[in-house]
PDB file of all heavy atoms in Angstrom:
ATOM      1  N   GLU A   1      12.749  -3.094   4.831  1.00  0.00           N
ATOM      2  CA  GLU A   1      13.118  -2.049   3.811  1.00  0.00           C
ATOM      3  C   GLU A   1      12.488  -2.363   2.449  1.00  0.00           C
ATOM      4  O   GLU A   1      12.151  -1.421   1.763  1.00  0.00           O
ATOM      5  CB  GLU A   1      14.701  -2.075   3.711  1.00  0.00           C
ATOM      6  CG  GLU A   1      15.488  -1.572   4.874  1.00  0.00           C
ATOM      7  CD  GLU A   1      15.585  -2.634   5.955  1.00  0.00           C
ATOM      8  OE1 GLU A   1      15.181  -3.770   5.813  1.00  0.00           O
ATOM      9  OE2 GLU A   1      16.030  -2.202   7.192  1.00  0.00           O
ATOM     10  N   ASP A   2      12.385  -3.701   2.137  1.00  0.00           N
ATOM     11  CA  ASP A   2      11.670  -3.962   0.858  1.00  0.00           C
ATOM     12  C   ASP A   2      10.165  -3.514   0.881  1.00  0.00           C
ATOM     13  O   ASP A   2       9.717  -2.886  -0.120  1.00  0.00           O
ATOM     14  CB  ASP A   2      11.655  -5.459   0.666  1.00  0.00           C
ATOM     15  CG  ASP A   2      13.045  -5.996   0.461  1.00  0.00           C
ATOM     16  OD1 ASP A   2      13.982  -5.274  -0.121  1.00  0.00           O
ATOM     17  OD2 ASP A   2      13.359  -7.225   0.783  1.00  0.00           O
ATOM     18  N   TRP A   3       9.610  -3.708   2.003  1.00  0.00           N
ATOM     19  CA  TRP A   3       8.245  -3.198   2.087  1.00  0.00           C
ATOM     20  C   TRP A   3       8.137  -1.675   2.073  1.00  0.00           C
ATOM     21  O   TRP A   3       7.248  -1.146   1.335  1.00  0.00           O
ATOM     22  CB  TRP A   3       7.583  -3.703   3.450  1.00  0.00           C
ATOM     23  CG  TRP A   3       7.205  -5.140   3.540  1.00  0.00           C
ATOM     24  CD1 TRP A   3       7.965  -6.237   3.938  1.00  0.00           C
ATOM     25  CD2 TRP A   3       5.929  -5.751   3.011  1.00  0.00           C
ATOM     26  NE1 TRP A   3       7.343  -7.362   3.762  1.00  0.00           N
ATOM     27  CE2 TRP A   3       6.071  -7.166   3.234  1.00  0.00           C
ATOM     28  CE3 TRP A   3       4.764  -5.181   2.441  1.00  0.00           C
ATOM     29  CZ2 TRP A   3       5.124  -8.003   2.895  1.00  0.00           C
ATOM     30  CZ3 TRP A   3       3.771  -6.068   2.103  1.00  0.00           C
ATOM     31  CH2 TRP A   3       3.889  -7.439   2.359  1.00  0.00           C
ATOM     32  N   ALA A   4       9.074  -1.049   2.737  1.00  0.00           N
ATOM     33  CA  ALA A   4       9.066   0.462   2.764  1.00  0.00           C
ATOM     34  C   ALA A   4       9.261   0.971   1.309  1.00  0.00           C
ATOM     35  O   ALA A   4       8.713   1.930   0.845  1.00  0.00           O
ATOM     36  CB  ALA A   4      10.064   0.920   3.673  1.00  0.00           C
ATOM     37  N   GLU A   5      10.182   0.247   0.638  1.00  0.00           N
ATOM     38  CA  GLU A   5      10.419   0.711  -0.856  1.00  0.00           C
ATOM     39  C   GLU A   5       9.183   0.561  -1.650  1.00  0.00           C
ATOM     40  O   GLU A   5       8.829   1.431  -2.447  1.00  0.00           O
ATOM     41  CB  GLU A   5      11.571  -0.125  -1.442  1.00  0.00           C
ATOM     42  CG  GLU A   5      11.872   0.164  -2.859  1.00  0.00           C
ATOM     43  CD  GLU A   5      12.889  -0.783  -3.473  1.00  0.00           C
ATOM     44  OE1 GLU A   5      13.593  -1.479  -2.685  1.00  0.00           O
ATOM     45  OE2 GLU A   5      13.048  -0.765  -4.723  1.00  0.00           O
ATOM     46  N   ALA A   6       8.468  -0.559  -1.530  1.00  0.00           N
ATOM     47  CA  ALA A   6       7.224  -0.728  -2.284  1.00  0.00           C
ATOM     48  C   ALA A   6       6.179   0.266  -1.901  1.00  0.00           C
ATOM     49  O   ALA A   6       5.446   0.907  -2.724  1.00  0.00           O
ATOM     50  CB  ALA A   6       6.702  -2.160  -2.080  1.00  0.00           C
ATOM     51  N   PHE A   7       6.077   0.627  -0.658  1.00  0.00           N
ATOM     52  CA  PHE A   7       5.083   1.580  -0.187  1.00  0.00           C
ATOM     53  C   PHE A   7       5.431   3.000  -0.655  1.00  0.00           C
ATOM     54  O   PHE A   7       4.545   3.836  -0.690  1.00  0.00           O
ATOM     55  CB  PHE A   7       5.068   1.575   1.369  1.00  0.00           C
ATOM     56  CG  PHE A   7       4.143   0.595   1.927  1.00  0.00           C
ATOM     57  CD1 PHE A   7       4.007  -0.737   1.379  1.00  0.00           C
ATOM     58  CD2 PHE A   7       3.316   0.837   2.938  1.00  0.00           C
ATOM     59  CE1 PHE A   7       3.117  -1.615   1.944  1.00  0.00           C
ATOM     60  CE2 PHE A   7       2.512  -0.030   3.607  1.00  0.00           C
ATOM     61  CZ  PHE A   7       2.366  -1.335   3.009  1.00  0.00           C
ATOM     62  N   ARG A   8       6.664   3.296  -0.974  1.00  0.00           N
ATOM     63  CA  ARG A   8       7.018   4.584  -1.536  1.00  0.00           C
ATOM     64  C   ARG A   8       6.726   4.729  -3.040  1.00  0.00           C
ATOM     65  O   ARG A   8       6.918   5.846  -3.600  1.00  0.00           O
ATOM     66  CB  ARG A   8       8.568   4.866  -1.372  1.00  0.00           C
ATOM     67  CG  ARG A   8       8.883   5.178   0.112  1.00  0.00           C
ATOM     68  CD  ARG A   8      10.384   5.686   0.240  1.00  0.00           C
ATOM     69  NE  ARG A   8      11.245   4.773  -0.289  1.00  0.00           N
ATOM     70  CZ  ARG A   8      11.929   3.861   0.611  1.00  0.00           C
ATOM     71  NH1 ARG A   8      11.687   3.854   1.837  1.00  0.00           N
ATOM     72  NH2 ARG A   8      12.809   3.096   0.080  1.00  0.00           N
ATOM     73  N   THR A   9       6.239   3.699  -3.677  1.00  0.00           N
ATOM     74  CA  THR A   9       6.048   3.753  -5.128  1.00  0.00           C
ATOM     75  C   THR A   9       5.033   4.657  -5.615  1.00  0.00           C
ATOM     76  O   THR A   9       5.308   5.378  -6.568  1.00  0.00           O
ATOM     77  CB  THR A   9       5.769   2.234  -5.629  1.00  0.00           C
ATOM     78  OG1 THR A   9       6.785   1.387  -5.228  1.00  0.00           O
ATOM     79  CG2 THR A   9       5.620   2.295  -7.181  1.00  0.00           C
ATOM     80  N   PRO A  10       3.872   4.739  -5.004  1.00  0.00           N
ATOM     81  CA  PRO A  10       2.828   5.624  -5.584  1.00  0.00           C
ATOM     82  C   PRO A  10       3.177   7.056  -5.414  1.00  0.00           C
ATOM     83  O   PRO A  10       3.837   7.428  -4.503  1.00  0.00           O
ATOM     84  CB  PRO A  10       1.582   5.268  -4.774  1.00  0.00           C
ATOM     85  CG  PRO A  10       1.902   3.973  -4.079  1.00  0.00           C
ATOM     86  CD  PRO A  10       3.405   3.881  -3.860  1.00  0.00           C
ATOM     87  N   GLY A  11       2.664   7.827  -6.427  1.00  0.00           N
ATOM     88  CA  GLY A  11       2.801   9.266  -6.251  1.00  0.00           C
ATOM     89  C   GLY A  11       1.950   9.845  -5.128  1.00  0.00           C
ATOM     90  O   GLY A  11       1.013   9.178  -4.737  1.00  0.00           O
ATOM     91  N   PRO A  12       2.260  11.043  -4.645  1.00  0.00           N
ATOM     92  CA  PRO A  12       1.460  11.629  -3.515  1.00  0.00           C
ATOM     93  C   PRO A  12      -0.021  11.918  -3.808  1.00  0.00           C
ATOM     94  O   PRO A  12      -0.766  11.999  -2.836  1.00  0.00           O
ATOM     95  CB  PRO A  12       2.286  12.935  -3.224  1.00  0.00           C
ATOM     96  CG  PRO A  12       2.986  13.297  -4.526  1.00  0.00           C
ATOM     97  CD  PRO A  12       3.326  11.970  -5.149  1.00  0.00           C
ATOM     98  N   ASP A  13      -0.319  12.071  -5.051  1.00  0.00           N
ATOM     99  CA  ASP A  13      -1.747  12.379  -5.306  1.00  0.00           C
ATOM    100  C   ASP A  13      -2.547  11.117  -5.616  1.00  0.00           C
ATOM    101  O   ASP A  13      -3.829  11.310  -5.865  1.00  0.00           O
ATOM    102  CB  ASP A  13      -1.757  13.191  -6.547  1.00  0.00           C
ATOM    103  CG  ASP A  13      -1.103  14.583  -6.421  1.00  0.00           C
ATOM    104  OD1 ASP A  13      -1.084  15.093  -5.269  1.00  0.00           O
ATOM    105  OD2 ASP A  13      -0.543  15.100  -7.356  1.00  0.00           O
ATOM    106  N   LEU A  14      -1.962   9.901  -5.475  1.00  0.00           N
ATOM    107  CA  LEU A  14      -2.863   8.745  -5.789  1.00  0.00           C
ATOM    108  C   LEU A  14      -3.577   8.312  -4.601  1.00  0.00           C
ATOM    109  O   LEU A  14      -2.974   8.231  -3.473  1.00  0.00           O
ATOM    110  CB  LEU A  14      -1.815   7.561  -6.219  1.00  0.00           C
ATOM    111  CG  LEU A  14      -2.428   6.479  -7.075  1.00  0.00           C
ATOM    112  CD1 LEU A  14      -3.036   7.066  -8.432  1.00  0.00           C
ATOM    113  CD2 LEU A  14      -1.382   5.396  -7.377  1.00  0.00           C
ATOM    114  N   VAL A  15      -4.873   8.133  -4.807  1.00  0.00           N
ATOM    115  CA  VAL A  15      -5.651   7.712  -3.598  1.00  0.00           C
ATOM    116  C   VAL A  15      -5.376   6.280  -3.113  1.00  0.00           C
ATOM    117  O   VAL A  15      -4.831   5.496  -3.834  1.00  0.00           O
ATOM    118  CB  VAL A  15      -7.147   7.848  -3.899  1.00  0.00           C
ATOM    119  CG1 VAL A  15      -7.538   9.330  -4.309  1.00  0.00           C
ATOM    120  CG2 VAL A  15      -7.538   6.958  -5.079  1.00  0.00           C
ATOM    121  N   HIS A  16      -5.843   5.996  -1.856  1.00  0.00           N
ATOM    122  CA  HIS A  16      -5.452   4.769  -1.200  1.00  0.00           C
ATOM    123  C   HIS A  16      -5.669   3.555  -2.047  1.00  0.00           C
ATOM    124  O   HIS A  16      -4.763   2.687  -2.171  1.00  0.00           O
ATOM    125  CB  HIS A  16      -6.231   4.640   0.045  1.00  0.00           C
ATOM    126  CG  HIS A  16      -6.039   3.417   0.800  1.00  0.00           C
ATOM    127  ND1 HIS A  16      -5.024   3.206   1.673  1.00  0.00           N
ATOM    128  CD2 HIS A  16      -6.711   2.218   0.724  1.00  0.00           C
ATOM    129  CE1 HIS A  16      -5.132   1.924   2.242  1.00  0.00           C
ATOM    130  NE2 HIS A  16      -6.157   1.243   1.579  1.00  0.00           N
ATOM    131  N   ASN A  17      -6.976   3.302  -2.540  1.00  0.00           N
ATOM    132  CA  ASN A  17      -7.223   2.109  -3.271  1.00  0.00           C
ATOM    133  C   ASN A  17      -6.560   1.999  -4.525  1.00  0.00           C
ATOM    134  O   ASN A  17      -6.251   0.894  -5.040  1.00  0.00           O
ATOM    135  CB  ASN A  17      -8.830   1.912  -3.391  1.00  0.00           C
ATOM    136  CG  ASN A  17      -9.506   1.734  -2.035  1.00  0.00           C
ATOM    137  OD1 ASN A  17      -8.883   1.096  -1.204  1.00  0.00           O
ATOM    138  ND2 ASN A  17     -10.761   2.123  -2.051  1.00  0.00           N
ATOM    139  N   ASP A  18      -6.324   3.118  -5.187  1.00  0.00           N
ATOM    140  CA  ASP A  18      -5.612   3.039  -6.496  1.00  0.00           C
ATOM    141  C   ASP A  18      -4.075   2.874  -6.294  1.00  0.00           C
ATOM    142  O   ASP A  18      -3.413   2.091  -7.001  1.00  0.00           O
ATOM    143  CB  ASP A  18      -5.673   4.349  -7.267  1.00  0.00           C
ATOM    144  CG  ASP A  18      -7.111   4.553  -7.870  1.00  0.00           C
ATOM    145  OD1 ASP A  18      -7.855   3.633  -7.814  1.00  0.00           O
ATOM    146  OD2 ASP A  18      -7.443   5.683  -8.285  1.00  0.00           O
ATOM    147  N   ALA A  19      -3.555   3.410  -5.173  1.00  0.00           N
ATOM    148  CA  ALA A  19      -2.135   3.144  -4.882  1.00  0.00           C
ATOM    149  C   ALA A  19      -1.934   1.743  -4.467  1.00  0.00           C
ATOM    150  O   ALA A  19      -0.835   1.147  -4.680  1.00  0.00           O
ATOM    151  CB  ALA A  19      -1.763   4.063  -3.663  1.00  0.00           C
ATOM    152  N   ARG A  20      -2.912   1.086  -3.972  1.00  0.00           N
ATOM    153  CA  ARG A  20      -2.835  -0.403  -3.632  1.00  0.00           C
ATOM    154  C   ARG A  20      -2.307  -1.246  -4.757  1.00  0.00           C
ATOM    155  O   ARG A  20      -1.433  -2.058  -4.545  1.00  0.00           O
ATOM    156  CB  ARG A  20      -4.155  -0.858  -3.072  1.00  0.00           C
ATOM    157  CG  ARG A  20      -4.147  -2.181  -2.360  1.00  0.00           C
ATOM    158  CD  ARG A  20      -5.557  -2.388  -1.735  1.00  0.00           C
ATOM    159  NE  ARG A  20      -5.600  -3.577  -0.959  1.00  0.00           N
ATOM    160  CZ  ARG A  20      -5.993  -4.780  -1.474  1.00  0.00           C
ATOM    161  NH1 ARG A  20      -6.248  -4.909  -2.681  1.00  0.00           N
ATOM    162  NH2 ARG A  20      -5.964  -5.825  -0.715  1.00  0.00           N
ATOM    163  N   ASP A  21      -2.868  -1.103  -5.915  1.00  0.00           N
ATOM    164  CA  ASP A  21      -2.314  -1.795  -7.108  1.00  0.00           C
ATOM    165  C   ASP A  21      -0.960  -1.605  -7.457  1.00  0.00           C
ATOM    166  O   ASP A  21      -0.175  -2.532  -7.705  1.00  0.00           O
ATOM    167  CB  ASP A  21      -3.271  -1.517  -8.321  1.00  0.00           C
ATOM    168  CG  ASP A  21      -4.619  -2.164  -8.225  1.00  0.00           C
ATOM    169  OD1 ASP A  21      -4.898  -2.981  -7.285  1.00  0.00           O
ATOM    170  OD2 ASP A  21      -5.483  -1.771  -9.019  1.00  0.00           O
ATOM    171  N   GLU A  22      -0.536  -0.300  -7.372  1.00  0.00           N
ATOM    172  CA  GLU A  22       0.920  -0.001  -7.670  1.00  0.00           C
ATOM    173  C   GLU A  22       1.813  -0.641  -6.590  1.00  0.00           C
ATOM    174  O   GLU A  22       2.891  -1.139  -7.025  1.00  0.00           O
ATOM    175  CB  GLU A  22       1.049   1.467  -7.742  1.00  0.00           C
ATOM    176  CG  GLU A  22       0.420   2.143  -8.986  1.00  0.00           C
ATOM    177  CD  GLU A  22       0.999   3.522  -9.262  1.00  0.00           C
ATOM    178  OE1 GLU A  22       1.977   3.908  -8.535  1.00  0.00           O
ATOM    179  OE2 GLU A  22       0.448   4.212 -10.191  1.00  0.00           O
ATOM    180  N   ILE A  23       1.445  -0.636  -5.406  1.00  0.00           N
ATOM    181  CA  ILE A  23       2.304  -1.203  -4.386  1.00  0.00           C
ATOM    182  C   ILE A  23       2.422  -2.672  -4.505  1.00  0.00           C
ATOM    183  O   ILE A  23       3.485  -3.208  -4.380  1.00  0.00           O
ATOM    184  CB  ILE A  23       1.742  -0.788  -2.968  1.00  0.00           C
ATOM    185  CG1 ILE A  23       1.861   0.749  -2.767  1.00  0.00           C
ATOM    186  CG2 ILE A  23       2.507  -1.551  -1.836  1.00  0.00           C
ATOM    187  CD1 ILE A  23       1.164   1.249  -1.492  1.00  0.00           C
ATOM    188  N   TRP A  24       1.316  -3.272  -4.813  1.00  0.00           N
ATOM    189  CA  TRP A  24       1.395  -4.731  -4.966  1.00  0.00           C
ATOM    190  C   TRP A  24       2.319  -5.169  -6.166  1.00  0.00           C
ATOM    191  O   TRP A  24       3.173  -6.026  -6.025  1.00  0.00           O
ATOM    192  CB  TRP A  24      -0.096  -5.237  -5.166  1.00  0.00           C
ATOM    193  CG  TRP A  24      -0.175  -6.730  -5.530  1.00  0.00           C
ATOM    194  CD1 TRP A  24      -0.577  -7.303  -6.703  1.00  0.00           C
ATOM    195  CD2 TRP A  24       0.143  -7.839  -4.693  1.00  0.00           C
ATOM    196  NE1 TRP A  24      -0.516  -8.685  -6.673  1.00  0.00           N
ATOM    197  CE2 TRP A  24      -0.148  -9.036  -5.365  1.00  0.00           C
ATOM    198  CE3 TRP A  24       0.611  -7.934  -3.373  1.00  0.00           C
ATOM    199  CZ2 TRP A  24       0.111 -10.308  -4.879  1.00  0.00           C
ATOM    200  CZ3 TRP A  24       0.802  -9.237  -2.909  1.00  0.00           C
ATOM    201  CH2 TRP A  24       0.534 -10.350  -3.528  1.00  0.00           C
ATOM    202  N   GLU A  25       2.179  -4.436  -7.211  1.00  0.00           N
ATOM    203  CA  GLU A  25       3.057  -4.677  -8.420  1.00  0.00           C
ATOM    204  C   GLU A  25       4.511  -4.459  -8.121  1.00  0.00           C
ATOM    205  O   GLU A  25       5.367  -5.192  -8.488  1.00  0.00           O
ATOM    206  CB  GLU A  25       2.621  -3.821  -9.594  1.00  0.00           C
ATOM    207  CG  GLU A  25       1.333  -4.144 -10.228  1.00  0.00           C
ATOM    208  CD  GLU A  25       0.814  -3.160 -11.226  1.00  0.00           C
ATOM    209  OE1 GLU A  25       1.525  -2.280 -11.559  1.00  0.00           O
ATOM    210  OE2 GLU A  25      -0.325  -3.263 -11.709  1.00  0.00           O
TER     211      GLU A  25
END
């Protein structure tokens, strides 16, 4: 559930590699 919560962080328009930084943070 923690991982799923982090994966939901980026907005829908953020591309994969940019979303990666937001998910890590």
